[in-house]
Amino acid sequence: MLPFLLTVLIFTLAVRYGLPLLLRWVLGRVVRQATGNAPGSGGFRGDSRQNAGGPAAPAPDGRVRVAYVPPRPKREPRPGGYGGGEYVEFEDVR
């Protein structure tokens, strides 16, 4: 009876304290691998585009240097000169 109780106690302690450590280690590796393989991202190590062109020259005093400006989408004019909706009055029905 005593060897059985010792076996159950050891198994319980191993599951109680060992399993969370094992799961934390495995999930950490999975997350690290998934973020490392994500296209276009540097994972948790920062943005991969920051130093892509080498070190940037410092901006002169009083000036702001913008490294990247995304292109604006071209808007097509709306048919009939539609500039938006019109105001519609409403009543609050209770």
PDB file of N, CA and C in Angstrom:
ATOM      1  N   MET A   1       0.815  -1.192   0.000  1.00  0.00           N
ATOM      2  CA  MET A   1       0.000   0.000   0.000  1.00  0.00           C
ATOM      3  C   MET A   1       0.861   1.259   0.000  1.00  0.00           C
ATOM      4  N   LEU A   2       1.967   1.224   0.741  1.00  0.00           N
ATOM      5  CA  LEU A   2       2.846   2.390   0.821  1.00  0.00           C
ATOM      6  C   LEU A   2       3.504   2.703  -0.520  1.00  0.00           C
ATOM      7  N   PRO A   3       3.999   1.721  -1.281  1.00  0.00           N
ATOM      8  CA  PRO A   3       4.573   2.063  -2.590  1.00  0.00           C
ATOM      9  C   PRO A   3       3.541   2.686  -3.535  1.00  0.00           C
ATOM     10  N   PHE A   4       2.306   2.234  -3.450  1.00  0.00           N
ATOM     11  CA  PHE A   4       1.255   2.806  -4.294  1.00  0.00           C
ATOM     12  C   PHE A   4       1.009   4.274  -3.935  1.00  0.00           C
ATOM     13  N   LEU A   5       0.933   4.571  -2.640  1.00  0.00           N
ATOM     14  CA  LEU A   5       0.714   5.951  -2.206  1.00  0.00           C
ATOM     15  C   LEU A   5       1.887   6.850  -2.597  1.00  0.00           C
ATOM     16  N   LEU A   6       3.106   6.329  -2.466  1.00  0.00           N
ATOM     17  CA  LEU A   6       4.274   7.122  -2.872  1.00  0.00           C
ATOM     18  C   LEU A   6       4.261   7.381  -4.377  1.00  0.00           C
ATOM     19  N   THR A   7       3.866   6.385  -5.145  1.00  0.00           N
ATOM     20  CA  THR A   7       3.791   6.554  -6.595  1.00  0.00           C
ATOM     21  C   THR A   7       2.743   7.599  -6.961  1.00  0.00           C
ATOM     22  N   VAL A   8       1.583   7.537  -6.319  1.00  0.00           N
ATOM     23  CA  VAL A   8       0.523   8.513  -6.585  1.00  0.00           C
ATOM     24  C   VAL A   8       0.977   9.909  -6.172  1.00  0.00           C
ATOM     25  N   LEU A   9       1.645  10.032  -5.028  1.00  0.00           N
ATOM     26  CA  LEU A   9       2.136  11.329  -4.561  1.00  0.00           C
ATOM     27  C   LEU A   9       3.172  11.901  -5.517  1.00  0.00           C
ATOM     28  N   ILE A  10       4.100  11.097  -5.955  1.00  0.00           N
ATOM     29  CA  ILE A  10       5.136  11.566  -6.883  1.00  0.00           C
ATOM     30  C   ILE A  10       4.514  11.958  -8.218  1.00  0.00           C
ATOM     31  N   PHE A  11       3.573  11.151  -8.700  1.00  0.00           N
ATOM     32  CA  PHE A  11       2.905  11.472  -9.965  1.00  0.00           C
ATOM     33  C   PHE A  11       2.114  12.778  -9.845  1.00  0.00           C
ATOM     34  N   THR A  12       1.412  12.945  -8.722  1.00  0.00           N
ATOM     35  CA  THR A  12       0.626  14.163  -8.512  1.00  0.00           C
ATOM     36  C   THR A  12       1.530  15.391  -8.463  1.00  0.00           C
ATOM     37  N   LEU A  13       2.638  15.297  -7.757  1.00  0.00           N
ATOM     38  CA  LEU A  13       3.563  16.430  -7.681  1.00  0.00           C
ATOM     39  C   LEU A  13       4.198  16.723  -9.042  1.00  0.00           C
ATOM     40  N   ALA A  14       4.507  15.669  -9.788  1.00  0.00           N
ATOM     41  CA  ALA A  14       5.091  15.874 -11.117  1.00  0.00           C
ATOM     42  C   ALA A  14       4.103  16.573 -12.037  1.00  0.00           C
ATOM     43  N   VAL A  15       2.842  16.166 -11.979  1.00  0.00           N
ATOM     44  CA  VAL A  15       1.823  16.808 -12.816  1.00  0.00           C
ATOM     45  C   VAL A  15       1.573  18.229 -12.331  1.00  0.00           C
ATOM     46  N   ARG A  16       1.526  18.424 -11.021  1.00  0.00           N
ATOM     47  CA  ARG A  16       1.208  19.742 -10.452  1.00  0.00           C
ATOM     48  C   ARG A  16       2.292  20.766 -10.753  1.00  0.00           C
ATOM     49  N   TYR A  17       3.556  20.400 -10.652  1.00  0.00           N
ATOM     50  CA  TYR A  17       4.643  21.361 -10.822  1.00  0.00           C
ATOM     51  C   TYR A  17       5.409  21.198 -12.129  1.00  0.00           C
ATOM     52  N   GLY A  18       5.446  20.012 -12.675  1.00  0.00           N
ATOM     53  CA  GLY A  18       6.223  19.783 -13.891  1.00  0.00           C
ATOM     54  C   GLY A  18       5.477  20.103 -15.167  1.00  0.00           C
ATOM     55  N   LEU A  19       4.188  19.778 -15.204  1.00  0.00           N
ATOM     56  CA  LEU A  19       3.401  20.008 -16.411  1.00  0.00           C
ATOM     57  C   LEU A  19       3.286  21.488 -16.775  1.00  0.00           C
ATOM     58  N   PRO A  20       3.029  22.404 -15.838  1.00  0.00           N
ATOM     59  CA  PRO A  20       2.995  23.820 -16.224  1.00  0.00           C
ATOM     60  C   PRO A  20       4.327  24.320 -16.782  1.00  0.00           C
ATOM     61  N   LEU A  21       5.423  23.856 -16.218  1.00  0.00           N
ATOM     62  CA  LEU A  21       6.733  24.261 -16.740  1.00  0.00           C
ATOM     63  C   LEU A  21       6.943  23.730 -18.155  1.00  0.00           C
ATOM     64  N   LEU A  22       6.561  22.491 -18.364  1.00  0.00           N
ATOM     65  CA  LEU A  22       6.709  21.892 -19.691  1.00  0.00           C
ATOM     66  C   LEU A  22       5.827  22.609 -20.716  1.00  0.00           C
ATOM     67  N   LEU A  23       4.575  22.871 -20.360  1.00  0.00           N
ATOM     68  CA  LEU A  23       3.673  23.563 -21.283  1.00  0.00           C
ATOM     69  C   LEU A  23       4.149  24.983 -21.576  1.00  0.00           C
ATOM     70  N   ARG A  24       4.632  25.690 -20.570  1.00  0.00           N
ATOM     71  CA  ARG A  24       5.138  27.047 -20.776  1.00  0.00           C
ATOM     72  C   ARG A  24       6.328  27.032 -21.728  1.00  0.00           C
ATOM     73  N   TRP A  25       7.200  26.058 -21.587  1.00  0.00           N
ATOM     74  CA  TRP A  25       8.365  25.958 -22.465  1.00  0.00           C
ATOM     75  C   TRP A  25       7.937  25.639 -23.904  1.00  0.00           C
ATOM     76  N   VAL A  26       7.022  24.667 -24.056  1.00  0.00           N
ATOM     77  CA  VAL A  26       6.579  24.268 -25.401  1.00  0.00           C
ATOM     78  C   VAL A  26       5.831  25.411 -26.082  1.00  0.00           C
ATOM     79  N   LEU A  27       4.900  26.037 -25.383  1.00  0.00           N
ATOM     80  CA  LEU A  27       4.143  27.132 -25.986  1.00  0.00           C
ATOM     81  C   LEU A  27       5.036  28.330 -26.295  1.00  0.00           C
ATOM     82  N   GLY A  28       6.025  28.581 -25.467  1.00  0.00           N
ATOM     83  CA  GLY A  28       6.969  29.661 -25.753  1.00  0.00           C
ATOM     84  C   GLY A  28       7.723  29.414 -27.046  1.00  0.00           C
ATOM     85  N   ARG A  29       8.136  28.178 -27.260  1.00  0.00           N
ATOM     86  CA  ARG A  29       8.839  27.847 -28.507  1.00  0.00           C
ATOM     87  C   ARG A  29       7.915  27.960 -29.712  1.00  0.00           C
ATOM     88  N   VAL A  30       6.660  27.533 -29.561  1.00  0.00           N
ATOM     89  CA  VAL A  30       5.707  27.606 -30.672  1.00  0.00           C
ATOM     90  C   VAL A  30       5.434  29.061 -31.039  1.00  0.00           C
ATOM     91  N   VAL A  31       5.212  29.901 -30.045  1.00  0.00           N
ATOM     92  CA  VAL A  31       4.942  31.317 -30.312  1.00  0.00           C
ATOM     93  C   VAL A  31       6.160  31.981 -30.924  1.00  0.00           C
ATOM     94  N   ARG A  32       7.337  31.683 -30.417  1.00  0.00           N
ATOM     95  CA  ARG A  32       8.560  32.279 -30.957  1.00  0.00           C
ATOM     96  C   ARG A  32       8.767  31.857 -32.409  1.00  0.00           C
ATOM     97  N   GLN A  33       8.485  30.599 -32.711  1.00  0.00           N
ATOM     98  CA  GLN A  33       8.636  30.113 -34.079  1.00  0.00           C
ATOM     99  C   GLN A  33       7.581  30.738 -34.990  1.00  0.00           C
ATOM    100  N   ALA A  34       6.351  30.865 -34.512  1.00  0.00           N
ATOM    101  CA  ALA A  34       5.283  31.438 -35.338  1.00  0.00           C
ATOM    102  C   ALA A  34       5.540  32.912 -35.621  1.00  0.00           C
ATOM    103  N   THR A  35       6.007  33.667 -34.641  1.00  0.00           N
ATOM    104  CA  THR A  35       6.268  35.085 -34.876  1.00  0.00           C
ATOM    105  C   THR A  35       7.527  35.278 -35.694  1.00  0.00           C
ATOM    106  N   GLY A  36       8.447  34.365 -35.621  1.00  0.00           N
ATOM    107  CA  GLY A  36       9.662  34.480 -36.428  1.00  0.00           C
ATOM    108  C   GLY A  36       9.408  34.185 -37.889  1.00  0.00           C
ATOM    109  N   ASN A  37       8.414  33.348 -38.189  1.00  0.00           N
ATOM    110  CA  ASN A  37       8.114  32.977 -39.566  1.00  0.00           C
ATOM    111  C   ASN A  37       7.042  33.847 -40.194  1.00  0.00           C
ATOM    112  N   ALA A  38       6.484  34.784 -39.446  1.00  0.00           N
ATOM    113  CA  ALA A  38       5.424  35.628 -39.994  1.00  0.00           C
ATOM    114  C   ALA A  38       6.005  36.525 -41.077  1.00  0.00           C
ATOM    115  N   PRO A  39       5.355  36.592 -42.243  1.00  0.00           N
ATOM    116  CA  PRO A  39       5.897  37.413 -43.328  1.00  0.00           C
ATOM    117  C   PRO A  39       5.785  38.897 -43.011  1.00  0.00           C
ATOM    118  N   GLY A  40       6.874  39.604 -43.232  1.00  0.00           N
ATOM    119  CA  GLY A  40       6.876  41.047 -43.077  1.00  0.00           C
ATOM    120  C   GLY A  40       6.952  41.543 -41.659  1.00  0.00           C
ATOM    121  N   SER A  41       7.194  40.659 -40.712  1.00  0.00           N
ATOM    122  CA  SER A  41       7.290  41.138 -39.341  1.00  0.00           C
ATOM    123  C   SER A  41       8.606  40.675 -38.745  1.00  0.00           C
ATOM    124  N   GLY A  42       9.093  41.463 -37.839  1.00  0.00           N
ATOM    125  CA  GLY A  42      10.305  41.111 -37.137  1.00  0.00           C
ATOM    126  C   GLY A  42      10.014  40.411 -35.840  1.00  0.00           C
ATOM    127  N   GLY A  43       8.780  40.001 -35.627  1.00  0.00           N
ATOM    128  CA  GLY A  43       8.421  39.349 -34.377  1.00  0.00           C
ATOM    129  C   GLY A  43       8.454  40.341 -33.240  1.00  0.00           C
ATOM    130  N   PHE A  44       9.016  39.948 -32.122  1.00  0.00           N
ATOM    131  CA  PHE A  44       9.110  40.836 -30.976  1.00  0.00           C
ATOM    132  C   PHE A  44      10.416  41.624 -30.990  1.00  0.00           C
ATOM    133  N   ARG A  45      11.181  41.473 -32.028  1.00  0.00           N
ATOM    134  CA  ARG A  45      12.483  42.124 -32.067  1.00  0.00           C
ATOM    135  C   ARG A  45      12.424  43.526 -32.660  1.00  0.00           C
ATOM    136  N   GLY A  46      11.266  44.003 -33.011  1.00  0.00           N
ATOM    137  CA  GLY A  46      11.140  45.344 -33.569  1.00  0.00           C
ATOM    138  C   GLY A  46      10.768  45.297 -35.027  1.00  0.00           C
ATOM    139  N   ASP A  47      10.625  46.459 -35.612  1.00  0.00           N
ATOM    140  CA  ASP A  47      10.219  46.565 -37.005  1.00  0.00           C
ATOM    141  C   ASP A  47      11.413  46.281 -37.899  1.00  0.00           C
ATOM    142  N   SER A  48      11.230  45.419 -38.900  1.00  0.00           N
ATOM    143  CA  SER A  48      12.340  45.046 -39.771  1.00  0.00           C
ATOM    144  C   SER A  48      12.646  46.134 -40.791  1.00  0.00           C
ATOM    145  N   ARG A  49      11.767  47.135 -40.938  1.00  0.00           N
ATOM    146  CA  ARG A  49      11.999  48.201 -41.916  1.00  0.00           C
ATOM    147  C   ARG A  49      12.767  49.374 -41.334  1.00  0.00           C
ATOM    148  N   GLN A  50      13.040  49.371 -40.052  1.00  0.00           N
ATOM    149  CA  GLN A  50      13.618  50.548 -39.423  1.00  0.00           C
ATOM    150  C   GLN A  50      14.971  50.915 -40.007  1.00  0.00           C
ATOM    151  N   ASN A  51      15.870  50.002 -40.102  1.00  0.00           N
ATOM    152  CA  ASN A  51      17.205  50.306 -40.594  1.00  0.00           C
ATOM    153  C   ASN A  51      17.459  49.637 -41.933  1.00  0.00           C
ATOM    154  N   ALA A  52      16.446  49.590 -42.787  1.00  0.00           N
ATOM    155  CA  ALA A  52      16.583  48.897 -44.060  1.00  0.00           C
ATOM    156  C   ALA A  52      17.536  49.623 -44.997  1.00  0.00           C
ATOM    157  N   GLY A  53      17.540  50.942 -44.977  1.00  0.00           N
ATOM    158  CA  GLY A  53      18.376  51.708 -45.889  1.00  0.00           C
ATOM    159  C   GLY A  53      19.671  52.177 -45.266  1.00  0.00           C
ATOM    160  N   GLY A  54      20.014  51.672 -44.129  1.00  0.00           N
ATOM    161  CA  GLY A  54      21.211  52.122 -43.449  1.00  0.00           C
ATOM    162  C   GLY A  54      20.872  53.233 -42.470  1.00  0.00           C
ATOM    163  N   PRO A  55      21.873  53.782 -41.821  1.00  0.00           N
ATOM    164  CA  PRO A  55      21.601  54.838 -40.848  1.00  0.00           C
ATOM    165  C   PRO A  55      21.136  56.115 -41.547  1.00  0.00           C
ATOM    166  N   ALA A  56      20.088  56.714 -41.009  1.00  0.00           N
ATOM    167  CA  ALA A  56      19.537  57.932 -41.599  1.00  0.00           C
ATOM    168  C   ALA A  56      20.316  59.146 -41.112  1.00  0.00           C
ATOM    169  N   ALA A  57      20.449  60.125 -41.999  1.00  0.00           N
ATOM    170  CA  ALA A  57      21.138  61.360 -41.627  1.00  0.00           C
ATOM    171  C   ALA A  57      20.245  62.152 -40.681  1.00  0.00           C
ATOM    172  N   PRO A  58      20.830  62.804 -39.693  1.00  0.00           N
ATOM    173  CA  PRO A  58      20.001  63.581 -38.774  1.00  0.00           C
ATOM    174  C   PRO A  58      19.371  64.774 -39.485  1.00  0.00           C
ATOM    175  N   ALA A  59      18.156  65.114 -39.080  1.00  0.00           N
ATOM    176  CA  ALA A  59      17.457  66.244 -39.684  1.00  0.00           C
ATOM    177  C   ALA A  59      18.043  67.546 -39.149  1.00  0.00           C
ATOM    178  N   PRO A  60      18.102  68.590 -39.989  1.00  0.00           N
ATOM    179  CA  PRO A  60      18.592  69.879 -39.503  1.00  0.00           C
ATOM    180  C   PRO A  60      17.673  70.429 -38.415  1.00  0.00           C
ATOM    181  N   ASP A  61      18.191  71.375 -37.640  1.00  0.00           N
ATOM    182  CA  ASP A  61      17.410  71.951 -36.549  1.00  0.00           C
ATOM    183  C   ASP A  61      16.123  72.572 -37.071  1.00  0.00           C
ATOM    184  N   GLY A  62      15.029  72.296 -36.390  1.00  0.00           N
ATOM    185  CA  GLY A  62      13.744  72.861 -36.762  1.00  0.00           C
ATOM    186  C   GLY A  62      13.042  72.109 -37.876  1.00  0.00           C
ATOM    187  N   ARG A  63      13.613  71.042 -38.374  1.00  0.00           N
ATOM    188  CA  ARG A  63      13.006  70.270 -39.460  1.00  0.00           C
ATOM    189  C   ARG A  63      12.652  68.875 -38.949  1.00  0.00           C
ATOM    190  N   VAL A  64      11.644  68.295 -39.558  1.00  0.00           N
ATOM    191  CA  VAL A  64      11.245  66.929 -39.239  1.00  0.00           C
ATOM    192  C   VAL A  64      11.503  66.080 -40.463  1.00  0.00           C
ATOM    193  N   ARG A  65      12.155  64.950 -40.271  1.00  0.00           N
ATOM    194  CA  ARG A  65      12.446  64.063 -41.385  1.00  0.00           C
ATOM    195  C   ARG A  65      11.502  62.873 -41.302  1.00  0.00           C
ATOM    196  N   VAL A  66      10.728  62.659 -42.366  1.00  0.00           N
ATOM    197  CA  VAL A  66       9.786  61.547 -42.418  1.00  0.00           C
ATOM    198  C   VAL A  66      10.403  60.461 -43.272  1.00  0.00           C
ATOM    199  N   ALA A  67      10.537  59.259 -42.710  1.00  0.00           N
ATOM    200  CA  ALA A  67      11.207  58.177 -43.418  1.00  0.00           C
ATOM    201  C   ALA A  67      10.302  57.534 -44.467  1.00  0.00           C
ATOM    202  N   TYR A  68       9.009  57.422 -44.178  1.00  0.00           N
ATOM    203  CA  TYR A  68       8.126  56.720 -45.103  1.00  0.00           C
ATOM    204  C   TYR A  68       6.732  57.314 -45.002  1.00  0.00           C
ATOM    205  N   VAL A  69       6.145  57.620 -46.150  1.00  0.00           N
ATOM    206  CA  VAL A  69       4.763  58.088 -46.216  1.00  0.00           C
ATOM    207  C   VAL A  69       4.021  57.131 -47.140  1.00  0.00           C
ATOM    208  N   PRO A  70       2.986  56.452 -46.644  1.00  0.00           N
ATOM    209  CA  PRO A  70       2.273  55.508 -47.502  1.00  0.00           C
ATOM    210  C   PRO A  70       1.522  56.249 -48.606  1.00  0.00           C
ATOM    211  N   PRO A  71       1.396  55.624 -49.772  1.00  0.00           N
ATOM    212  CA  PRO A  71       0.680  56.293 -50.866  1.00  0.00           C
ATOM    213  C   PRO A  71      -0.807  56.410 -50.543  1.00  0.00           C
ATOM    214  N   ARG A  72      -1.392  57.527 -50.960  1.00  0.00           N
ATOM    215  CA  ARG A  72      -2.819  57.740 -50.727  1.00  0.00           C
ATOM    216  C   ARG A  72      -3.614  57.065 -51.837  1.00  0.00           C
ATOM    217  N   PRO A  73      -4.713  56.434 -51.475  1.00  0.00           N
ATOM    218  CA  PRO A  73      -5.539  55.816 -52.518  1.00  0.00           C
ATOM    219  C   PRO A  73      -6.216  56.900 -53.355  1.00  0.00           C
ATOM    220  N   LYS A  74      -6.329  56.634 -54.647  1.00  0.00           N
ATOM    221  CA  LYS A  74      -6.965  57.601 -55.538  1.00  0.00           C
ATOM    222  C   LYS A  74      -8.476  57.489 -55.381  1.00  0.00           C
ATOM    223  N   ARG A  75      -9.110  58.632 -55.155  1.00  0.00           N
ATOM    224  CA  ARG A  75     -10.560  58.652 -55.014  1.00  0.00           C
ATOM    225  C   ARG A  75     -11.181  59.083 -56.327  1.00  0.00           C
ATOM    226  N   GLU A  76     -12.155  58.326 -56.734  1.00  0.00           N
ATOM    227  CA  GLU A  76     -12.882  58.686 -57.948  1.00  0.00           C
ATOM    228  C   GLU A  76     -14.029  59.615 -57.562  1.00  0.00           C
ATOM    229  N   PRO A  77     -14.307  60.631 -58.383  1.00  0.00           N
ATOM    230  CA  PRO A  77     -15.430  61.525 -58.052  1.00  0.00           C
ATOM    231  C   PRO A  77     -16.752  60.761 -58.108  1.00  0.00           C
ATOM    232  N   ARG A  78     -17.623  61.093 -57.199  1.00  0.00           N
ATOM    233  CA  ARG A  78     -18.907  60.405 -57.137  1.00  0.00           C
ATOM    234  C   ARG A  78     -19.818  60.904 -58.250  1.00  0.00           C
ATOM    235  N   PRO A  79     -20.647  60.038 -58.785  1.00  0.00           N
ATOM    236  CA  PRO A  79     -21.527  60.447 -59.886  1.00  0.00           C
ATOM    237  C   PRO A  79     -22.558  61.473 -59.421  1.00  0.00           C
ATOM    238  N   GLY A  80     -22.797  62.480 -60.253  1.00  0.00           N
ATOM    239  CA  GLY A  80     -23.807  63.490 -59.952  1.00  0.00           C
ATOM    240  C   GLY A  80     -23.372  64.483 -58.902  1.00  0.00           C
ATOM    241  N   GLY A  81     -22.106  64.540 -58.595  1.00  0.00           N
ATOM    242  CA  GLY A  81     -21.619  65.495 -57.602  1.00  0.00           C
ATOM    243  C   GLY A  81     -22.127  65.215 -56.198  1.00  0.00           C
ATOM    244  N   TYR A  82     -22.411  63.977 -55.894  1.00  0.00           N
ATOM    245  CA  TYR A  82     -22.922  63.605 -54.579  1.00  0.00           C
ATOM    246  C   TYR A  82     -21.859  63.886 -53.536  1.00  0.00           C
ATOM    247  N   GLY A  83     -22.151  64.743 -52.586  1.00  0.00           N
ATOM    248  CA  GLY A  83     -21.169  65.116 -51.577  1.00  0.00           C
ATOM    249  C   GLY A  83     -21.441  64.531 -50.217  1.00  0.00           C
ATOM    250  N   GLY A  84     -22.405  63.686 -50.085  1.00  0.00           N
ATOM    251  CA  GLY A  84     -22.706  63.093 -48.794  1.00  0.00           C
ATOM    252  C   GLY A  84     -24.202  63.007 -48.586  1.00  0.00           C
ATOM    253  N   GLY A  85     -24.590  62.606 -47.416  1.00  0.00           N
ATOM    254  CA  GLY A  85     -26.006  62.431 -47.125  1.00  0.00           C
ATOM    255  C   GLY A  85     -26.677  63.740 -46.763  1.00  0.00           C
ATOM    256  N   GLU A  86     -27.975  63.691 -46.597  1.00  0.00           N
ATOM    257  CA  GLU A  86     -28.728  64.870 -46.207  1.00  0.00           C
ATOM    258  C   GLU A  86     -29.224  64.664 -44.790  1.00  0.00           C
ATOM    259  N   TYR A  87     -29.545  65.773 -44.130  1.00  0.00           N
ATOM    260  CA  TYR A  87     -30.005  65.708 -42.749  1.00  0.00           C
ATOM    261  C   TYR A  87     -31.448  65.232 -42.722  1.00  0.00           C
ATOM    262  N   VAL A  88     -31.728  64.250 -41.911  1.00  0.00           N
ATOM    263  CA  VAL A  88     -33.084  63.727 -41.778  1.00  0.00           C
ATOM    264  C   VAL A  88     -33.498  63.881 -40.328  1.00  0.00           C
ATOM    265  N   GLU A  89     -34.606  64.609 -40.112  1.00  0.00           N
ATOM    266  CA  GLU A  89     -35.100  64.766 -38.752  1.00  0.00           C
ATOM    267  C   GLU A  89     -35.807  63.482 -38.330  1.00  0.00           C
ATOM    268  N   PHE A  90     -35.749  63.183 -37.065  1.00  0.00           N
ATOM    269  CA  PHE A  90     -36.423  61.993 -36.573  1.00  0.00           C
ATOM    270  C   PHE A  90     -37.036  62.301 -35.221  1.00  0.00           C
ATOM    271  N   GLU A  91     -37.999  61.512 -34.854  1.00  0.00           N
ATOM    272  CA  GLU A  91     -38.632  61.653 -33.552  1.00  0.00           C
ATOM    273  C   GLU A  91     -38.203  60.489 -32.679  1.00  0.00           C
ATOM    274  N   ASP A  92     -38.014  60.784 -31.417  1.00  0.00           N
ATOM    275  CA  ASP A  92     -37.643  59.747 -30.468  1.00  0.00           C
ATOM    276  C   ASP A  92     -38.918  59.076 -29.977  1.00  0.00           C
ATOM    277  N   VAL A  93     -39.149  57.852 -30.374  1.00  0.00           N
ATOM    278  CA  VAL A  93     -40.361  57.121 -30.004  1.00  0.00           C
ATOM    279  C   VAL A  93     -40.053  56.264 -28.791  1.00  0.00           C
ATOM    280  N   ARG A  94     -40.905  56.402 -27.776  1.00  0.00           N
ATOM    281  CA  ARG A  94     -40.669  55.620 -26.554  1.00  0.00           C
ATOM    282  C   ARG A  94     -41.743  54.609 -26.339  1.00  0.00           C
TER     283      ARG A  94
END
